[in-house]
Amino acid sequence: AKKYIDQYFERHQGVKRFIELTLKSVREKGYATTLLGRKRPVLELKSDNSVTRQQGERLAINTPVQGSAADIIKLAMINIWRVFKERNLNTIMILQVHDELLFEVPINELQIVKDLVKEKMERVIELLVPLKVEIGYGKSWADAH
């Protein structure tokens, strides 16, 4: 396993740099931040217990990535909901699962909602890497995939 991990970090040196810089920053500040500035205290890094400290390291590294993804999807949901209200659409946002949104859409609003959701999700935040959205639809969640 060590061999594979070492090979991974050799090939992806930016990942190793990200981890090192993130841990350094979180140790100094006591918290990790998301792209949108949300702070998460990581007190586990100061623990005398090595298992707890390792958990803190995982939290420190995951927060900027997973926390930022959570911030982005929630901001997109707010923006989409506002447009639905402004346009008096009958579409209902039903569920969020990680980076996926599920809607109940009247058939006459399908194309409008598909275009609107794609645009609002892809442009919710400007990043160096573009956000790309795939949209599926069907009579059930399974059919939409």
N, C-alpha and C. Protein backbone atom coordinates (compact mmCIF):
# COMPACT_ATOMS: atom_id res chain seq x y z
N ALA A 1 0.83 -1.19 0.00
CA ALA A 1 0.00 0.00 0.00
C ALA A 1 0.88 1.26 0.00
N LYS A 2 1.97 1.21 0.77
CA LYS A 2 2.86 2.36 0.82
C LYS A 2 3.43 2.68 -0.56
N LYS A 3 3.77 1.63 -1.31
CA LYS A 3 4.31 1.81 -2.66
C LYS A 3 3.31 2.56 -3.55
N TYR A 4 2.03 2.17 -3.49
CA TYR A 4 1.01 2.82 -4.30
C TYR A 4 0.79 4.27 -3.87
N ILE A 5 0.79 4.50 -2.59
CA ILE A 5 0.61 5.86 -2.07
C ILE A 5 1.79 6.73 -2.51
N ASP A 6 3.00 6.22 -2.38
CA ASP A 6 4.19 6.98 -2.79
C ASP A 6 4.14 7.28 -4.29
N GLN A 7 3.74 6.31 -5.09
CA GLN A 7 3.63 6.51 -6.55
C GLN A 7 2.57 7.57 -6.87
N TYR A 8 1.47 7.53 -6.15
CA TYR A 8 0.41 8.51 -6.37
C TYR A 8 0.92 9.93 -6.12
N PHE A 9 1.58 10.12 -4.98
CA PHE A 9 2.08 11.45 -4.64
C PHE A 9 3.22 11.88 -5.56
N GLU A 10 3.97 10.94 -6.08
CA GLU A 10 5.03 11.26 -7.05
C GLU A 10 4.40 11.79 -8.34
N ARG A 11 3.33 11.16 -8.76
CA ARG A 11 2.65 11.57 -10.01
C ARG A 11 1.82 12.83 -9.83
N HIS A 12 1.30 13.02 -8.64
CA HIS A 12 0.40 14.15 -8.36
C HIS A 12 0.98 14.99 -7.23
N GLN A 13 2.05 15.67 -7.53
CA GLN A 13 2.77 16.42 -6.50
C GLN A 13 1.96 17.59 -5.95
N GLY A 14 1.05 18.11 -6.75
CA GLY A 14 0.19 19.20 -6.29
C GLY A 14 -0.72 18.76 -5.15
N VAL A 15 -1.14 17.51 -5.17
CA VAL A 15 -1.99 16.98 -4.10
C VAL A 15 -1.20 16.96 -2.80
N LYS A 16 0.01 16.46 -2.86
CA LYS A 16 0.86 16.42 -1.66
C LYS A 16 1.09 17.83 -1.11
N ARG A 17 1.37 18.78 -2.02
CA ARG A 17 1.58 20.18 -1.61
C ARG A 17 0.31 20.74 -0.96
N PHE A 18 -0.85 20.44 -1.56
CA PHE A 18 -2.12 20.91 -1.00
C PHE A 18 -2.30 20.38 0.43
N ILE A 19 -2.04 19.09 0.62
CA ILE A 19 -2.20 18.48 1.94
C ILE A 19 -1.26 19.13 2.94
N GLU A 20 0.00 19.29 2.57
CA GLU A 20 0.99 19.88 3.48
C GLU A 20 0.64 21.31 3.86
N LEU A 21 0.28 22.12 2.85
CA LEU A 21 -0.06 23.52 3.11
C LEU A 21 -1.35 23.64 3.92
N THR A 22 -2.32 22.78 3.62
CA THR A 22 -3.58 22.81 4.37
C THR A 22 -3.35 22.45 5.83
N LEU A 23 -2.60 21.39 6.09
CA LEU A 23 -2.33 20.99 7.47
C LEU A 23 -1.58 22.08 8.22
N LYS A 24 -0.60 22.69 7.56
CA LYS A 24 0.17 23.77 8.20
C LYS A 24 -0.77 24.92 8.58
N SER A 25 -1.62 25.32 7.65
CA SER A 25 -2.54 26.43 7.90
C SER A 25 -3.52 26.11 9.03
N VAL A 26 -4.09 24.90 9.00
CA VAL A 26 -5.07 24.54 10.02
C VAL A 26 -4.42 24.41 11.39
N ARG A 27 -3.20 23.91 11.44
CA ARG A 27 -2.49 23.83 12.73
C ARG A 27 -2.24 25.24 13.29
N GLU A 28 -1.89 26.18 12.43
CA GLU A 28 -1.62 27.56 12.88
C GLU A 28 -2.89 28.27 13.32
N LYS A 29 -3.96 28.14 12.52
CA LYS A 29 -5.19 28.88 12.78
C LYS A 29 -6.14 28.16 13.74
N GLY A 30 -6.10 26.84 13.72
CA GLY A 30 -7.02 26.06 14.54
C GLY A 30 -8.31 25.72 13.82
N TYR A 31 -8.44 26.12 12.57
CA TYR A 31 -9.65 25.83 11.80
C TYR A 31 -9.31 25.72 10.31
N ALA A 32 -10.18 25.00 9.61
CA ALA A 32 -10.10 24.89 8.15
C ALA A 32 -11.19 25.78 7.56
N THR A 33 -10.99 26.23 6.34
CA THR A 33 -11.99 27.08 5.69
C THR A 33 -12.38 26.51 4.33
N THR A 34 -13.60 26.82 3.94
CA THR A 34 -14.08 26.45 2.62
C THR A 34 -13.81 27.61 1.67
N LEU A 35 -14.02 27.37 0.38
CA LEU A 35 -13.81 28.43 -0.62
C LEU A 35 -14.67 29.66 -0.34
N LEU A 36 -15.84 29.45 0.24
CA LEU A 36 -16.73 30.58 0.52
C LEU A 36 -16.54 31.16 1.91
N GLY A 37 -15.48 30.71 2.62
CA GLY A 37 -15.11 31.32 3.88
C GLY A 37 -15.70 30.71 5.13
N ARG A 38 -16.44 29.63 4.99
CA ARG A 38 -16.98 28.97 6.19
C ARG A 38 -15.84 28.32 6.96
N LYS A 39 -15.84 28.48 8.27
CA LYS A 39 -14.76 27.96 9.12
C LYS A 39 -15.22 26.73 9.88
N ARG A 40 -14.32 25.76 9.98
CA ARG A 40 -14.60 24.56 10.78
C ARG A 40 -13.44 24.37 11.75
N PRO A 41 -13.69 24.51 13.04
CA PRO A 41 -12.62 24.26 14.01
C PRO A 41 -12.15 22.80 13.92
N VAL A 42 -10.84 22.60 14.03
CA VAL A 42 -10.28 21.25 14.01
C VAL A 42 -9.41 21.10 15.25
N LEU A 43 -10.08 20.97 16.38
CA LEU A 43 -9.40 20.88 17.67
C LEU A 43 -8.66 19.55 17.84
N GLU A 44 -9.05 18.55 17.05
CA GLU A 44 -8.44 17.22 17.15
C GLU A 44 -6.94 17.25 16.85
N LEU A 45 -6.50 18.23 16.09
CA LEU A 45 -5.06 18.32 15.75
C LEU A 45 -4.18 18.55 16.97
N LYS A 46 -4.74 19.07 18.04
CA LYS A 46 -3.97 19.35 19.25
C LYS A 46 -4.03 18.22 20.28
N SER A 47 -4.69 17.13 19.91
CA SER A 47 -4.86 16.02 20.84
C SER A 47 -3.54 15.29 21.08
N ASP A 48 -3.39 14.75 22.29
CA ASP A 48 -2.24 13.90 22.61
C ASP A 48 -2.43 12.49 22.06
N ASN A 49 -3.67 12.16 21.73
CA ASN A 49 -4.00 10.83 21.21
C ASN A 49 -3.76 10.81 19.69
N SER A 50 -2.90 9.90 19.23
CA SER A 50 -2.52 9.87 17.81
C SER A 50 -3.70 9.53 16.90
N VAL A 51 -4.62 8.69 17.35
CA VAL A 51 -5.80 8.35 16.54
C VAL A 51 -6.67 9.58 16.35
N THR A 52 -6.87 10.32 17.42
CA THR A 52 -7.66 11.55 17.36
C THR A 52 -6.97 12.59 16.48
N ARG A 53 -5.64 12.70 16.60
CA ARG A 53 -4.87 13.64 15.78
C ARG A 53 -4.99 13.29 14.29
N GLN A 54 -4.93 12.00 13.96
CA GLN A 54 -5.07 11.57 12.57
C GLN A 54 -6.47 11.88 12.03
N GLN A 55 -7.46 11.72 12.89
CA GLN A 55 -8.82 12.10 12.50
C GLN A 55 -8.87 13.60 12.19
N GLY A 56 -8.20 14.39 13.02
CA GLY A 56 -8.13 15.83 12.79
C GLY A 56 -7.47 16.16 11.46
N GLU A 57 -6.41 15.42 11.12
CA GLU A 57 -5.74 15.64 9.83
C GLU A 57 -6.70 15.37 8.68
N ARG A 58 -7.47 14.30 8.78
CA ARG A 58 -8.45 13.98 7.73
C ARG A 58 -9.51 15.08 7.63
N LEU A 59 -9.98 15.55 8.78
CA LEU A 59 -10.97 16.63 8.79
C LEU A 59 -10.40 17.91 8.16
N ALA A 60 -9.16 18.21 8.51
CA ALA A 60 -8.51 19.42 7.99
C ALA A 60 -8.36 19.37 6.47
N ILE A 61 -8.02 18.21 5.95
CA ILE A 61 -7.80 18.06 4.51
C ILE A 61 -9.13 17.99 3.76
N ASN A 62 -10.12 17.31 4.33
CA ASN A 62 -11.40 17.14 3.65
C ASN A 62 -12.28 18.38 3.66
N THR A 63 -12.17 19.20 4.69
CA THR A 63 -13.05 20.36 4.82
C THR A 63 -12.97 21.31 3.64
N PRO A 64 -11.79 21.73 3.19
CA PRO A 64 -11.78 22.64 2.05
C PRO A 64 -12.40 22.04 0.78
N VAL A 65 -12.30 20.73 0.62
CA VAL A 65 -12.83 20.08 -0.57
C VAL A 65 -14.32 19.79 -0.41
N GLN A 66 -14.66 18.95 0.56
CA GLN A 66 -16.06 18.56 0.74
C GLN A 66 -16.92 19.70 1.26
N GLY A 67 -16.36 20.51 2.14
CA GLY A 67 -17.11 21.66 2.66
C GLY A 67 -17.39 22.68 1.57
N SER A 68 -16.42 22.90 0.69
CA SER A 68 -16.63 23.82 -0.42
C SER A 68 -17.69 23.29 -1.37
N ALA A 69 -17.66 21.98 -1.65
CA ALA A 69 -18.68 21.38 -2.50
C ALA A 69 -20.07 21.56 -1.88
N ALA A 70 -20.16 21.39 -0.57
CA ALA A 70 -21.44 21.58 0.13
C ALA A 70 -21.90 23.03 0.03
N ASP A 71 -20.98 23.97 0.22
CA ASP A 71 -21.32 25.39 0.09
C ASP A 71 -21.84 25.70 -1.31
N ILE A 72 -21.16 25.17 -2.31
CA ILE A 72 -21.51 25.46 -3.71
C ILE A 72 -22.90 24.92 -4.05
N ILE A 73 -23.19 23.68 -3.67
CA ILE A 73 -24.51 23.11 -3.99
C ILE A 73 -25.61 23.86 -3.26
N LYS A 74 -25.36 24.27 -2.03
CA LYS A 74 -26.39 25.01 -1.28
C LYS A 74 -26.64 26.38 -1.89
N LEU A 75 -25.59 27.05 -2.33
CA LEU A 75 -25.75 28.34 -3.00
C LEU A 75 -26.52 28.17 -4.31
N ALA A 76 -26.21 27.12 -5.05
CA ALA A 76 -26.95 26.85 -6.29
C ALA A 76 -28.43 26.60 -5.99
N MET A 77 -28.71 25.85 -4.93
CA MET A 77 -30.09 25.57 -4.56
C MET A 77 -30.86 26.86 -4.25
N ILE A 78 -30.22 27.76 -3.53
CA ILE A 78 -30.86 29.04 -3.19
C ILE A 78 -31.14 29.82 -4.47
N ASN A 79 -30.15 29.90 -5.35
CA ASN A 79 -30.32 30.65 -6.60
C ASN A 79 -31.41 30.06 -7.48
N ILE A 80 -31.45 28.75 -7.57
CA ILE A 80 -32.48 28.07 -8.38
C ILE A 80 -33.85 28.32 -7.78
N TRP A 81 -33.98 28.16 -6.47
CA TRP A 81 -35.28 28.38 -5.81
C TRP A 81 -35.79 29.79 -6.05
N ARG A 82 -34.89 30.77 -5.97
CA ARG A 82 -35.30 32.17 -6.19
C ARG A 82 -35.86 32.37 -7.60
N VAL A 83 -35.22 31.78 -8.59
CA VAL A 83 -35.70 31.94 -9.97
C VAL A 83 -37.04 31.22 -10.15
N PHE A 84 -37.18 30.06 -9.53
CA PHE A 84 -38.48 29.37 -9.60
C PHE A 84 -39.59 30.27 -9.07
N LYS A 85 -39.31 30.94 -7.94
CA LYS A 85 -40.31 31.83 -7.34
C LYS A 85 -40.57 33.04 -8.23
N GLU A 86 -39.49 33.66 -8.75
CA GLU A 86 -39.63 34.84 -9.61
C GLU A 86 -40.46 34.54 -10.86
N ARG A 87 -40.28 33.35 -11.41
CA ARG A 87 -40.97 32.97 -12.65
C ARG A 87 -42.28 32.23 -12.40
N ASN A 88 -42.65 32.09 -11.13
CA ASN A 88 -43.87 31.37 -10.75
C ASN A 88 -43.93 29.97 -11.36
N LEU A 89 -42.81 29.28 -11.32
CA LEU A 89 -42.77 27.92 -11.84
C LEU A 89 -43.40 26.97 -10.82
N ASN A 90 -43.96 25.90 -11.32
CA ASN A 90 -44.59 24.90 -10.46
C ASN A 90 -43.64 23.76 -10.11
N THR A 91 -42.43 23.83 -10.61
CA THR A 91 -41.41 22.83 -10.30
C THR A 91 -41.06 22.90 -8.82
N ILE A 92 -40.83 21.73 -8.23
CA ILE A 92 -40.50 21.65 -6.81
C ILE A 92 -39.15 20.96 -6.66
N MET A 93 -38.27 21.58 -5.89
CA MET A 93 -37.00 20.96 -5.54
C MET A 93 -37.30 19.95 -4.43
N ILE A 94 -37.02 18.68 -4.71
CA ILE A 94 -37.41 17.60 -3.79
C ILE A 94 -36.28 17.19 -2.86
N LEU A 95 -35.06 17.05 -3.43
CA LEU A 95 -34.01 16.38 -2.67
C LEU A 95 -32.64 16.79 -3.17
N GLN A 96 -31.69 16.85 -2.26
CA GLN A 96 -30.28 17.03 -2.59
C GLN A 96 -29.53 15.81 -2.10
N VAL A 97 -28.74 15.21 -2.97
CA VAL A 97 -27.89 14.08 -2.60
C VAL A 97 -26.48 14.43 -3.07
N HIS A 98 -25.63 14.81 -2.14
CA HIS A 98 -24.25 15.23 -2.44
C HIS A 98 -24.25 16.35 -3.49
N ASP A 99 -23.85 16.05 -4.73
CA ASP A 99 -23.78 17.09 -5.77
C ASP A 99 -24.94 16.98 -6.75
N GLU A 100 -25.99 16.34 -6.35
CA GLU A 100 -27.13 16.09 -7.23
C GLU A 100 -28.39 16.70 -6.64
N LEU A 101 -29.21 17.27 -7.53
CA LEU A 101 -30.51 17.82 -7.12
C LEU A 101 -31.61 17.06 -7.84
N LEU A 102 -32.70 16.83 -7.13
CA LEU A 102 -33.84 16.12 -7.69
C LEU A 102 -35.05 17.06 -7.65
N PHE A 103 -35.74 17.15 -8.79
CA PHE A 103 -36.89 18.04 -8.92
C PHE A 103 -38.10 17.25 -9.38
N GLU A 104 -39.27 17.73 -8.98
CA GLU A 104 -40.53 17.27 -9.55
C GLU A 104 -40.97 18.36 -10.52
N VAL A 105 -41.02 18.02 -11.81
CA VAL A 105 -41.19 19.03 -12.85
C VAL A 105 -42.42 18.73 -13.72
N PRO A 106 -43.35 19.67 -13.82
CA PRO A 106 -44.44 19.50 -14.78
C PRO A 106 -43.84 19.43 -16.20
N ILE A 107 -44.39 18.58 -17.03
CA ILE A 107 -43.82 18.34 -18.36
C ILE A 107 -43.70 19.63 -19.18
N ASN A 108 -44.64 20.56 -19.01
CA ASN A 108 -44.58 21.82 -19.78
C ASN A 108 -43.46 22.75 -19.30
N GLU A 109 -42.83 22.45 -18.16
CA GLU A 109 -41.71 23.26 -17.66
C GLU A 109 -40.36 22.56 -17.83
N LEU A 110 -40.36 21.36 -18.38
CA LEU A 110 -39.15 20.54 -18.42
C LEU A 110 -37.97 21.24 -19.07
N GLN A 111 -38.13 21.76 -20.26
CA GLN A 111 -36.99 22.37 -20.95
C GLN A 111 -36.54 23.65 -20.24
N ILE A 112 -37.49 24.43 -19.76
CA ILE A 112 -37.15 25.66 -19.02
C ILE A 112 -36.32 25.31 -17.79
N VAL A 113 -36.76 24.32 -17.04
CA VAL A 113 -36.08 23.93 -15.80
C VAL A 113 -34.71 23.31 -16.11
N LYS A 114 -34.64 22.47 -17.13
CA LYS A 114 -33.35 21.89 -17.50
C LYS A 114 -32.33 22.99 -17.81
N ASP A 115 -32.71 23.96 -18.62
CA ASP A 115 -31.80 25.06 -18.99
C ASP A 115 -31.44 25.90 -17.77
N LEU A 116 -32.44 26.23 -16.97
CA LEU A 116 -32.24 27.09 -15.81
C LEU A 116 -31.32 26.41 -14.79
N VAL A 117 -31.58 25.16 -14.46
CA VAL A 117 -30.79 24.44 -13.46
C VAL A 117 -29.34 24.29 -13.93
N LYS A 118 -29.16 23.92 -15.19
CA LYS A 118 -27.80 23.78 -15.73
C LYS A 118 -27.04 25.10 -15.62
N GLU A 119 -27.66 26.18 -16.04
CA GLU A 119 -27.01 27.50 -16.01
C GLU A 119 -26.70 27.93 -14.58
N LYS A 120 -27.65 27.78 -13.67
CA LYS A 120 -27.44 28.22 -12.28
C LYS A 120 -26.40 27.37 -11.57
N MET A 121 -26.36 26.08 -11.87
CA MET A 121 -25.38 25.22 -11.21
C MET A 121 -23.97 25.42 -11.78
N GLU A 122 -23.87 25.60 -13.08
CA GLU A 122 -22.55 25.75 -13.69
C GLU A 122 -21.93 27.12 -13.42
N ARG A 123 -22.77 28.11 -13.14
CA ARG A 123 -22.27 29.48 -12.94
C ARG A 123 -22.41 29.97 -11.51
N VAL A 124 -22.63 29.07 -10.59
CA VAL A 124 -22.86 29.46 -9.20
C VAL A 124 -21.62 30.13 -8.60
N ILE A 125 -20.44 29.71 -9.04
CA ILE A 125 -19.19 30.26 -8.54
C ILE A 125 -18.16 30.14 -9.66
N GLU A 126 -17.27 31.11 -9.74
CA GLU A 126 -16.24 31.06 -10.76
C GLU A 126 -14.99 30.38 -10.19
N LEU A 127 -14.61 29.29 -10.84
CA LEU A 127 -13.43 28.53 -10.44
C LEU A 127 -12.47 28.44 -11.62
N LEU A 128 -11.23 28.05 -11.36
CA LEU A 128 -10.28 27.84 -12.45
C LEU A 128 -10.70 26.66 -13.32
N VAL A 129 -11.33 25.68 -12.71
CA VAL A 129 -11.83 24.51 -13.42
C VAL A 129 -13.34 24.69 -13.57
N PRO A 130 -13.87 24.56 -14.79
CA PRO A 130 -15.31 24.77 -14.96
C PRO A 130 -16.14 23.69 -14.28
N LEU A 131 -17.27 24.11 -13.75
CA LEU A 131 -18.24 23.17 -13.21
C LEU A 131 -19.11 22.70 -14.37
N LYS A 132 -19.25 21.41 -14.54
CA LYS A 132 -20.06 20.84 -15.61
C LYS A 132 -21.22 20.06 -15.01
N VAL A 133 -22.39 20.27 -15.56
CA VAL A 133 -23.60 19.65 -15.04
C VAL A 133 -24.21 18.75 -16.10
N GLU A 134 -24.59 17.55 -15.69
CA GLU A 134 -25.34 16.64 -16.55
C GLU A 134 -26.76 16.56 -16.00
N ILE A 135 -27.73 16.59 -16.90
CA ILE A 135 -29.12 16.55 -16.48
C ILE A 135 -29.80 15.33 -17.09
N GLY A 136 -30.45 14.58 -16.23
CA GLY A 136 -31.26 13.45 -16.68
C GLY A 136 -32.68 13.66 -16.19
N TYR A 137 -33.62 13.00 -16.83
CA TYR A 137 -35.00 13.10 -16.38
C TYR A 137 -35.73 11.80 -16.67
N GLY A 138 -36.79 11.59 -15.94
CA GLY A 138 -37.60 10.40 -16.12
C GLY A 138 -38.73 10.40 -15.11
N LYS A 139 -39.53 9.37 -15.16
CA LYS A 139 -40.68 9.27 -14.25
C LYS A 139 -40.26 8.90 -12.84
N SER A 140 -39.02 8.40 -12.70
CA SER A 140 -38.50 8.07 -11.37
C SER A 140 -37.03 8.50 -11.33
N TRP A 141 -36.49 8.50 -10.12
CA TRP A 141 -35.07 8.85 -9.94
C TRP A 141 -34.19 7.88 -10.71
N ALA A 142 -34.54 6.60 -10.67
CA ALA A 142 -33.77 5.58 -11.40
C ALA A 142 -33.82 5.83 -12.90
N ASP A 143 -34.98 6.21 -13.42
CA ASP A 143 -35.12 6.50 -14.86
C ASP A 143 -34.28 7.71 -15.27
N ALA A 144 -34.08 8.64 -14.35
CA ALA A 144 -33.33 9.86 -14.67
C ALA A 144 -31.84 9.59 -14.81
N HIS A 145 -31.39 8.44 -14.33
CA HIS A 145 -29.97 8.11 -14.43
C HIS A 145 -29.76 7.30 -15.67
